[in-house]
Amino acid sequence: MRDEFGRYTGMFVIVTFDIVESPSVSAMQKRLRNINKVLKGYGQRAQKSVFEAYLDNTQIETLKTKLTKVVDITLGDNVRMYKVCNSCFEKIEVIGEQGVSPEEEVYIF
């Protein structure tokens, strides 16, 4: 989210996820599609299972609620959200390509 001057507001959040392979490949692929769809609504993909976003506290809570409906913790799925403070954001270093990773279909067999 940006303010009237084009600056980002809120905090920088890194969201990572791991969807566990389940007995039903189609169910697992559906969870992967759904989690990606939810996260794309809030930020940009940085790596295959990593998204970055600027979110305020209300958006973070809404995102958590939506993700809770998508992941299956009984199978071992997990999502981690790292809130990065402004002073720590300045210390982020990237080695390699700094752009957002291209979207790719991921299949696990």
C-alpha atoms as a PDB file:
ATOM      1  CA  MET A   1       0.000   0.000   0.000  1.00  0.00           C
ATOM      2  CA  ARG A   2       1.310   3.470  -0.884  1.00  0.00           C
ATOM      3  CA  ASP A   3       0.592   6.884   0.572  1.00  0.00           C
ATOM      4  CA  GLU A   4      -0.230  10.009  -1.461  1.00  0.00           C
ATOM      5  CA  PHE A   5       3.503  10.534  -2.129  1.00  0.00           C
ATOM      6  CA  GLY A   6       4.018   7.046  -3.557  1.00  0.00           C
ATOM      7  CA  ARG A   7       5.859   5.772  -0.464  1.00  0.00           C
ATOM      8  CA  TYR A   8       5.065   2.360   0.934  1.00  0.00           C
ATOM      9  CA  THR A   9       3.111   2.329   4.163  1.00  0.00           C
ATOM     10  CA  GLY A  10       2.794  -0.501   6.640  1.00  0.00           C
ATOM     11  CA  MET A  11       5.579  -2.958   7.281  1.00  0.00           C
ATOM     12  CA  PHE A  12       7.578  -5.222   5.028  1.00  0.00           C
ATOM     13  CA  VAL A  13       6.463  -8.823   5.509  1.00  0.00           C
ATOM     14  CA  ILE A  14       8.091 -11.967   4.155  1.00  0.00           C
ATOM     15  CA  VAL A  15       5.692 -14.903   3.859  1.00  0.00           C
ATOM     16  CA  THR A  16       7.033 -18.415   3.291  1.00  0.00           C
ATOM     17  CA  PHE A  17       5.053 -21.599   2.936  1.00  0.00           C
ATOM     18  CA  ASP A  18       5.519 -25.335   2.691  1.00  0.00           C
ATOM     19  CA  ILE A  19       2.688 -27.514   1.444  1.00  0.00           C
ATOM     20  CA  VAL A  20       3.250 -31.141   2.349  1.00  0.00           C
ATOM     21  CA  GLU A  21       2.780 -33.832  -0.261  1.00  0.00           C
ATOM     22  CA  SER A  22      -0.489 -35.529   0.521  1.00  0.00           C
ATOM     23  CA  PRO A  23      -1.942 -38.871  -0.557  1.00  0.00           C
ATOM     24  CA  SER A  24      -4.133 -36.998  -3.036  1.00  0.00           C
ATOM     25  CA  VAL A  25      -1.922 -35.168  -5.544  1.00  0.00           C
ATOM     26  CA  SER A  26      -4.895 -33.181  -6.818  1.00  0.00           C
ATOM     27  CA  ALA A  27      -5.739 -31.996  -3.280  1.00  0.00           C
ATOM     28  CA  MET A  28      -2.138 -30.914  -2.749  1.00  0.00           C
ATOM     29  CA  GLN A  29      -2.059 -29.060  -6.075  1.00  0.00           C
ATOM     30  CA  LYS A  30      -5.334 -27.339  -5.168  1.00  0.00           C
ATOM     31  CA  ARG A  31      -3.837 -26.145  -1.862  1.00  0.00           C
ATOM     32  CA  LEU A  32      -0.755 -24.863  -3.734  1.00  0.00           C
ATOM     33  CA  ARG A  33      -2.909 -22.984  -6.249  1.00  0.00           C
ATOM     34  CA  ASN A  34      -5.102 -21.533  -3.515  1.00  0.00           C
ATOM     35  CA  ILE A  35      -2.237 -20.365  -1.314  1.00  0.00           C
ATOM     36  CA  ASN A  36      -0.538 -18.758  -4.312  1.00  0.00           C
ATOM     37  CA  LYS A  37      -3.785 -17.040  -5.277  1.00  0.00           C
ATOM     38  CA  VAL A  38      -4.240 -15.645  -1.762  1.00  0.00           C
ATOM     39  CA  LEU A  39      -0.643 -14.433  -1.516  1.00  0.00           C
ATOM     40  CA  LYS A  40      -0.677 -12.823  -4.985  1.00  0.00           C
ATOM     41  CA  GLY A  41      -3.499 -10.627  -3.701  1.00  0.00           C
ATOM     42  CA  TYR A  42      -1.175  -9.168  -1.072  1.00  0.00           C
ATOM     43  CA  GLY A  43       2.336  -9.114  -2.465  1.00  0.00           C
ATOM     44  CA  GLN A  44       4.847 -10.292  -5.003  1.00  0.00           C
ATOM     45  CA  ARG A  45       6.540 -13.635  -5.389  1.00  0.00           C
ATOM     46  CA  ALA A  46      10.243 -13.488  -4.474  1.00  0.00           C
ATOM     47  CA  GLN A  47      10.931 -17.214  -4.840  1.00  0.00           C
ATOM     48  CA  LYS A  48       8.779 -20.272  -5.511  1.00  0.00           C
ATOM     49  CA  SER A  49       7.413 -20.439  -1.966  1.00  0.00           C
ATOM     50  CA  VAL A  50       8.296 -16.941  -0.752  1.00  0.00           C
ATOM     51  CA  PHE A  51       6.258 -13.767  -1.104  1.00  0.00           C
ATOM     52  CA  GLU A  52       7.088 -10.210  -0.058  1.00  0.00           C
ATOM     53  CA  ALA A  53       4.529  -7.527   0.764  1.00  0.00           C
ATOM     54  CA  TYR A  54       3.970  -4.209   2.482  1.00  0.00           C
ATOM     55  CA  LEU A  55       1.048  -4.740   4.859  1.00  0.00           C
ATOM     56  CA  ASP A  56      -0.554  -2.934   7.751  1.00  0.00           C
ATOM     57  CA  ASN A  57      -1.750  -4.814  10.851  1.00  0.00           C
ATOM     58  CA  THR A  58      -5.321  -5.184   9.547  1.00  0.00           C
ATOM     59  CA  GLN A  59      -4.089  -6.657   6.264  1.00  0.00           C
ATOM     60  CA  ILE A  60      -1.820  -9.070   8.135  1.00  0.00           C
ATOM     61  CA  GLU A  61      -4.737 -10.335  10.227  1.00  0.00           C
ATOM     62  CA  THR A  62      -6.953 -10.705   7.141  1.00  0.00           C
ATOM     63  CA  LEU A  63      -4.177 -12.557   5.316  1.00  0.00           C
ATOM     64  CA  LYS A  64      -3.704 -14.923   8.268  1.00  0.00           C
ATOM     65  CA  THR A  65      -7.433 -15.675   8.298  1.00  0.00           C
ATOM     66  CA  LYS A  66      -7.454 -16.443   4.567  1.00  0.00           C
ATOM     67  CA  LEU A  67      -4.341 -18.621   4.773  1.00  0.00           C
ATOM     68  CA  THR A  68      -5.774 -20.578   7.700  1.00  0.00           C
ATOM     69  CA  LYS A  69      -8.648 -21.617   5.433  1.00  0.00           C
ATOM     70  CA  VAL A  70      -6.274 -22.830   2.692  1.00  0.00           C
ATOM     71  CA  VAL A  71      -3.501 -24.736   4.450  1.00  0.00           C
ATOM     72  CA  ASP A  72      -4.019 -28.107   6.088  1.00  0.00           C
ATOM     73  CA  ILE A  73      -2.022 -28.143   9.303  1.00  0.00           C
ATOM     74  CA  THR A  74      -3.145 -31.709  10.031  1.00  0.00           C
ATOM     75  CA  LEU A  75      -1.034 -32.810   7.038  1.00  0.00           C
ATOM     76  CA  GLY A  76       1.938 -30.697   8.093  1.00  0.00           C
ATOM     77  CA  ASP A  77       1.441 -27.619   5.889  1.00  0.00           C
ATOM     78  CA  ASN A  78       2.895 -24.449   7.356  1.00  0.00           C
ATOM     79  CA  VAL A  79       3.121 -20.751   6.644  1.00  0.00           C
ATOM     80  CA  ARG A  80       5.597 -18.365   8.258  1.00  0.00           C
ATOM     81  CA  MET A  81       5.305 -14.584   8.307  1.00  0.00           C
ATOM     82  CA  TYR A  82       8.372 -12.501   9.100  1.00  0.00           C
ATOM     83  CA  LYS A  83       7.719  -8.855   9.899  1.00  0.00           C
ATOM     84  CA  VAL A  84      10.747  -6.770   8.979  1.00  0.00           C
ATOM     85  CA  CYS A  85      11.239  -3.440  10.759  1.00  0.00           C
ATOM     86  CA  ASN A  86      12.267  -0.378   8.749  1.00  0.00           C
ATOM     87  CA  SER A  87      15.844  -0.351  10.039  1.00  0.00           C
ATOM     88  CA  CYS A  88      16.221  -4.079   9.299  1.00  0.00           C
ATOM     89  CA  PHE A  89      14.687  -3.662   5.834  1.00  0.00           C
ATOM     90  CA  GLU A  90      17.621  -1.430   4.897  1.00  0.00           C
ATOM     91  CA  LYS A  91      19.972  -4.322   5.742  1.00  0.00           C
ATOM     92  CA  ILE A  92      18.401  -6.865   3.376  1.00  0.00           C
ATOM     93  CA  GLU A  93      20.953  -8.124   0.888  1.00  0.00           C
ATOM     94  CA  VAL A  94      20.213 -10.028  -2.281  1.00  0.00           C
ATOM     95  CA  ILE A  95      22.813 -12.069  -4.112  1.00  0.00           C
ATOM     96  CA  GLY A  96      21.801 -12.813  -7.667  1.00  0.00           C
ATOM     97  CA  GLU A  97      18.763 -11.587  -9.514  1.00  0.00           C
ATOM     98  CA  GLN A  98      16.966  -8.925  -7.511  1.00  0.00           C
ATOM     99  CA  GLY A  99      13.697  -8.935  -9.407  1.00  0.00           C
ATOM    100  CA  VAL A 100      10.664 -10.971  -8.591  1.00  0.00           C
ATOM    101  CA  SER A 101      11.016 -14.595  -9.657  1.00  0.00           C
ATOM    102  CA  PRO A 102       8.998 -15.474 -12.726  1.00  0.00           C
ATOM    103  CA  GLU A 103       5.812 -17.350 -11.995  1.00  0.00           C
ATOM    104  CA  GLU A 104       6.176 -21.030 -12.743  1.00  0.00           C
ATOM    105  CA  GLU A 105       3.884 -23.978 -12.428  1.00  0.00           C
ATOM    106  CA  VAL A 106       5.305 -26.329  -9.799  1.00  0.00           C
ATOM    107  CA  TYR A 107       4.426 -30.001  -9.799  1.00  0.00           C
ATOM    108  CA  ILE A 108       5.560 -32.446  -7.132  1.00  0.00           C
ATOM    109  CA  PHE A 109       5.243 -36.148  -7.814  1.00  0.00           C
END
